[in-house]
Amino acid sequence: MTNAVRHAQHSPDAEVTLHMTEHLLVASVGDLDSRPITPAEAGRAAGQGLRTVADLARTFGGDVRIEPSSGGCGKTVVVRFILPQGTP
C-alpha cells in the first residue's frame, strides 16, 4: 500500500484486497497509475519495500506478481503466501 501512495500519486484511488483459504493468503493492491513496475525496479527504490515483501513471500513458498488492472488502466501487485499447516 505504501508504494501505491508514494509512487502512484496520479492515481486517485487504490484498492486493497485480502483473500484467505486453508493454505493460502493472497494480498493485492491495485492502483490506476498506468506506469508499469517490476519487482527488479522496485528493488532499486529507496525503501525496497516490495523486495522485502517478495522475500517474505518466498520464505513462505509464495510469490509476487504484477498484473495489469482488470479495467485496463493501472496495475495490481499480488502477493501470495503459502500458509503453514495448522494456521487458524
N, C-alpha and C. Protein backbone atom coordinates (compact mmCIF):
# COMPACT_ATOMS: atom_id res chain seq x y z
N MET A 1 0.82 -1.18 0.00
CA MET A 1 0.00 0.00 0.00
C MET A 1 0.87 1.25 0.00
N THR A 2 1.99 1.20 0.72
CA THR A 2 2.88 2.35 0.77
C THR A 2 3.36 2.72 -0.63
N ASN A 3 3.69 1.73 -1.46
CA ASN A 3 4.14 2.02 -2.82
C ASN A 3 3.06 2.72 -3.63
N ALA A 4 1.81 2.31 -3.47
CA ALA A 4 0.72 2.95 -4.19
C ALA A 4 0.59 4.41 -3.78
N VAL A 5 0.75 4.70 -2.51
CA VAL A 5 0.65 6.08 -2.03
C VAL A 5 1.85 6.91 -2.51
N ARG A 6 3.04 6.34 -2.43
CA ARG A 6 4.25 7.09 -2.80
C ARG A 6 4.47 7.22 -4.29
N HIS A 7 4.22 6.14 -5.04
CA HIS A 7 4.64 6.11 -6.43
C HIS A 7 3.50 6.23 -7.43
N ALA A 8 2.28 6.07 -7.01
CA ALA A 8 1.13 6.20 -7.92
C ALA A 8 0.34 7.43 -7.56
N GLN A 9 1.04 8.53 -7.43
CA GLN A 9 0.41 9.77 -6.97
C GLN A 9 -0.65 10.29 -7.92
N HIS A 10 -0.62 9.87 -9.19
CA HIS A 10 -1.61 10.33 -10.15
C HIS A 10 -2.86 9.45 -10.12
N SER A 11 -2.84 8.44 -9.28
CA SER A 11 -3.99 7.55 -9.13
C SER A 11 -4.81 8.03 -7.95
N PRO A 12 -6.06 8.43 -8.18
CA PRO A 12 -6.86 8.94 -7.06
C PRO A 12 -7.30 7.87 -6.07
N ASP A 13 -7.23 6.62 -6.48
CA ASP A 13 -7.70 5.52 -5.63
C ASP A 13 -6.71 4.37 -5.65
N ALA A 14 -6.73 3.61 -4.57
CA ALA A 14 -6.00 2.34 -4.51
C ALA A 14 -6.95 1.35 -3.83
N GLU A 15 -6.90 0.12 -4.28
CA GLU A 15 -7.78 -0.91 -3.73
C GLU A 15 -6.94 -2.02 -3.12
N VAL A 16 -7.24 -2.35 -1.88
CA VAL A 16 -6.55 -3.43 -1.17
C VAL A 16 -7.55 -4.57 -0.98
N THR A 17 -7.13 -5.78 -1.35
CA THR A 17 -7.97 -6.95 -1.12
C THR A 17 -7.15 -8.03 -0.44
N LEU A 18 -7.80 -8.78 0.42
CA LEU A 18 -7.20 -9.92 1.09
C LEU A 18 -8.12 -11.11 0.88
N HIS A 19 -7.52 -12.24 0.56
CA HIS A 19 -8.28 -13.47 0.38
C HIS A 19 -7.50 -14.58 1.07
N MET A 20 -8.21 -15.37 1.88
CA MET A 20 -7.53 -16.43 2.61
C MET A 20 -8.32 -17.72 2.47
N THR A 21 -7.57 -18.78 2.16
CA THR A 21 -8.14 -20.12 2.17
C THR A 21 -7.39 -20.90 3.23
N GLU A 22 -7.62 -22.18 3.28
CA GLU A 22 -6.99 -23.01 4.31
C GLU A 22 -5.46 -22.97 4.24
N HIS A 23 -4.90 -22.87 3.03
CA HIS A 23 -3.45 -22.94 2.89
C HIS A 23 -2.83 -21.76 2.14
N LEU A 24 -3.60 -20.69 1.91
CA LEU A 24 -3.10 -19.61 1.08
C LEU A 24 -3.65 -18.27 1.55
N LEU A 25 -2.77 -17.27 1.61
CA LEU A 25 -3.17 -15.89 1.86
C LEU A 25 -2.74 -15.08 0.65
N VAL A 26 -3.68 -14.36 0.05
CA VAL A 26 -3.38 -13.52 -1.10
C VAL A 26 -3.74 -12.08 -0.74
N ALA A 27 -2.75 -11.20 -0.84
CA ALA A 27 -2.96 -9.77 -0.62
C ALA A 27 -2.67 -9.06 -1.93
N SER A 28 -3.53 -8.14 -2.31
CA SER A 28 -3.29 -7.40 -3.55
C SER A 28 -3.60 -5.93 -3.35
N VAL A 29 -2.83 -5.11 -4.06
CA VAL A 29 -3.01 -3.66 -4.04
C VAL A 29 -3.05 -3.20 -5.48
N GLY A 30 -4.16 -2.58 -5.86
CA GLY A 30 -4.31 -2.08 -7.22
C GLY A 30 -4.38 -0.56 -7.23
N ASP A 31 -3.82 0.02 -8.28
CA ASP A 31 -3.94 1.47 -8.46
C ASP A 31 -4.25 1.77 -9.92
N LEU A 32 -4.56 3.01 -10.21
CA LEU A 32 -4.92 3.40 -11.57
C LEU A 32 -3.78 4.06 -12.32
N ASP A 33 -2.59 4.04 -11.76
CA ASP A 33 -1.42 4.64 -12.40
C ASP A 33 -0.97 3.71 -13.52
N SER A 34 -0.86 4.23 -14.72
CA SER A 34 -0.53 3.39 -15.87
C SER A 34 0.97 3.08 -15.98
N ARG A 35 1.80 3.74 -15.18
CA ARG A 35 3.24 3.46 -15.26
C ARG A 35 3.53 2.07 -14.73
N PRO A 36 4.20 1.24 -15.53
CA PRO A 36 4.49 -0.14 -15.09
C PRO A 36 5.58 -0.17 -14.03
N ILE A 37 5.61 -1.26 -13.30
CA ILE A 37 6.66 -1.50 -12.31
C ILE A 37 6.98 -2.99 -12.34
N THR A 38 8.23 -3.31 -12.09
CA THR A 38 8.63 -4.72 -11.97
C THR A 38 9.28 -4.88 -10.61
N PRO A 39 9.28 -6.08 -10.04
CA PRO A 39 9.95 -6.27 -8.75
C PRO A 39 11.41 -5.86 -8.80
N ALA A 40 12.09 -6.06 -9.94
CA ALA A 40 13.51 -5.68 -10.04
C ALA A 40 13.67 -4.17 -9.92
N GLU A 41 12.79 -3.41 -10.59
CA GLU A 41 12.86 -1.96 -10.50
C GLU A 41 12.52 -1.49 -9.09
N ALA A 42 11.53 -2.13 -8.47
CA ALA A 42 11.14 -1.74 -7.12
C ALA A 42 12.27 -1.96 -6.14
N GLY A 43 13.11 -2.97 -6.40
CA GLY A 43 14.23 -3.25 -5.52
C GLY A 43 15.28 -2.15 -5.53
N ARG A 44 15.29 -1.31 -6.56
CA ARG A 44 16.26 -0.22 -6.64
C ARG A 44 15.75 1.03 -5.92
N ALA A 45 14.49 1.05 -5.57
CA ALA A 45 13.91 2.22 -4.91
C ALA A 45 14.46 2.36 -3.50
N ALA A 46 14.34 3.55 -2.95
CA ALA A 46 14.94 3.86 -1.66
C ALA A 46 14.48 2.92 -0.55
N GLY A 47 13.16 2.67 -0.45
CA GLY A 47 12.67 1.88 0.67
C GLY A 47 12.79 0.38 0.51
N GLN A 48 12.83 -0.11 -0.71
CA GLN A 48 12.92 -1.52 -1.03
C GLN A 48 11.80 -2.34 -0.39
N GLY A 49 10.65 -1.74 -0.21
CA GLY A 49 9.53 -2.42 0.42
C GLY A 49 9.02 -3.61 -0.36
N LEU A 50 8.90 -3.47 -1.69
CA LEU A 50 8.39 -4.58 -2.49
C LEU A 50 9.37 -5.75 -2.48
N ARG A 51 10.64 -5.45 -2.48
CA ARG A 51 11.65 -6.52 -2.39
C ARG A 51 11.51 -7.26 -1.06
N THR A 52 11.31 -6.52 0.02
CA THR A 52 11.14 -7.14 1.35
C THR A 52 9.90 -8.03 1.37
N VAL A 53 8.81 -7.55 0.79
CA VAL A 53 7.59 -8.35 0.73
C VAL A 53 7.81 -9.60 -0.11
N ALA A 54 8.52 -9.48 -1.24
CA ALA A 54 8.80 -10.63 -2.09
C ALA A 54 9.66 -11.66 -1.36
N ASP A 55 10.65 -11.18 -0.61
CA ASP A 55 11.49 -12.09 0.17
C ASP A 55 10.67 -12.82 1.23
N LEU A 56 9.80 -12.11 1.89
CA LEU A 56 8.93 -12.72 2.90
C LEU A 56 7.99 -13.74 2.26
N ALA A 57 7.42 -13.39 1.12
CA ALA A 57 6.52 -14.33 0.44
C ALA A 57 7.28 -15.60 0.05
N ARG A 58 8.50 -15.47 -0.47
CA ARG A 58 9.30 -16.64 -0.85
C ARG A 58 9.62 -17.51 0.37
N THR A 59 9.83 -16.87 1.52
CA THR A 59 10.08 -17.63 2.75
C THR A 59 8.92 -18.57 3.04
N PHE A 60 7.71 -18.15 2.68
CA PHE A 60 6.52 -18.96 2.92
C PHE A 60 6.05 -19.67 1.65
N GLY A 61 6.96 -19.85 0.68
CA GLY A 61 6.63 -20.59 -0.52
C GLY A 61 5.75 -19.84 -1.50
N GLY A 62 5.62 -18.55 -1.33
CA GLY A 62 4.76 -17.75 -2.19
C GLY A 62 5.53 -16.96 -3.22
N ASP A 63 4.86 -15.95 -3.76
CA ASP A 63 5.47 -15.13 -4.80
C ASP A 63 4.79 -13.78 -4.90
N VAL A 64 5.35 -12.93 -5.76
CA VAL A 64 4.78 -11.61 -6.06
C VAL A 64 4.60 -11.53 -7.57
N ARG A 65 3.43 -11.06 -7.97
CA ARG A 65 3.16 -10.84 -9.39
C ARG A 65 2.66 -9.41 -9.56
N ILE A 66 2.97 -8.83 -10.69
CA ILE A 66 2.42 -7.52 -11.03
C ILE A 66 1.61 -7.73 -12.29
N GLU A 67 0.31 -7.45 -12.17
CA GLU A 67 -0.62 -7.73 -13.25
C GLU A 67 -1.26 -6.44 -13.74
N PRO A 68 -1.64 -6.40 -15.02
CA PRO A 68 -2.40 -5.24 -15.48
C PRO A 68 -3.76 -5.25 -14.79
N SER A 69 -4.28 -4.08 -14.55
CA SER A 69 -5.60 -3.97 -13.91
C SER A 69 -6.66 -4.58 -14.81
N SER A 70 -7.65 -5.20 -14.21
CA SER A 70 -8.72 -5.82 -14.99
C SER A 70 -9.51 -4.78 -15.78
N GLY A 71 -9.51 -3.53 -15.33
CA GLY A 71 -10.22 -2.47 -16.03
C GLY A 71 -9.42 -1.88 -17.18
N GLY A 72 -8.18 -2.34 -17.37
CA GLY A 72 -7.37 -1.87 -18.47
C GLY A 72 -6.51 -0.67 -18.16
N CYS A 73 -6.70 -0.06 -17.01
CA CYS A 73 -5.90 1.11 -16.64
C CYS A 73 -5.30 0.84 -15.27
N GLY A 74 -3.98 0.89 -15.19
CA GLY A 74 -3.34 0.68 -13.90
C GLY A 74 -2.76 -0.71 -13.77
N LYS A 75 -2.45 -1.06 -12.52
CA LYS A 75 -1.80 -2.34 -12.25
C LYS A 75 -2.20 -2.82 -10.86
N THR A 76 -1.96 -4.10 -10.62
CA THR A 76 -2.23 -4.69 -9.32
C THR A 76 -1.02 -5.52 -8.92
N VAL A 77 -0.53 -5.29 -7.71
CA VAL A 77 0.55 -6.10 -7.14
C VAL A 77 -0.13 -7.18 -6.30
N VAL A 78 0.14 -8.44 -6.65
CA VAL A 78 -0.48 -9.58 -5.97
C VAL A 78 0.61 -10.35 -5.25
N VAL A 79 0.42 -10.56 -3.94
CA VAL A 79 1.39 -11.29 -3.13
C VAL A 79 0.69 -12.52 -2.57
N ARG A 80 1.32 -13.70 -2.79
CA ARG A 80 0.76 -14.95 -2.29
C ARG A 80 1.68 -15.53 -1.23
N PHE A 81 1.09 -15.92 -0.12
CA PHE A 81 1.81 -16.59 0.98
C PHE A 81 1.20 -17.97 1.16
N ILE A 82 2.01 -19.01 1.12
CA ILE A 82 1.53 -20.35 1.44
C ILE A 82 1.54 -20.46 2.95
N LEU A 83 0.39 -20.76 3.53
CA LEU A 83 0.28 -20.82 4.99
C LEU A 83 0.70 -22.18 5.52
N PRO A 84 1.41 -22.19 6.64
CA PRO A 84 1.79 -23.46 7.26
C PRO A 84 0.56 -24.23 7.72
N GLN A 85 0.65 -25.54 7.72
CA GLN A 85 -0.46 -26.34 8.22
C GLN A 85 -0.72 -25.98 9.67
N GLY A 86 -1.99 -25.97 10.04
CA GLY A 86 -2.37 -25.63 11.39
C GLY A 86 -2.62 -24.15 11.60
N THR A 87 -2.51 -23.35 10.51
CA THR A 87 -2.80 -21.92 10.63
C THR A 87 -4.29 -21.74 10.85
N PRO A 88 -4.68 -20.97 11.87
CA PRO A 88 -6.13 -20.80 12.12
C PRO A 88 -6.80 -20.00 11.03
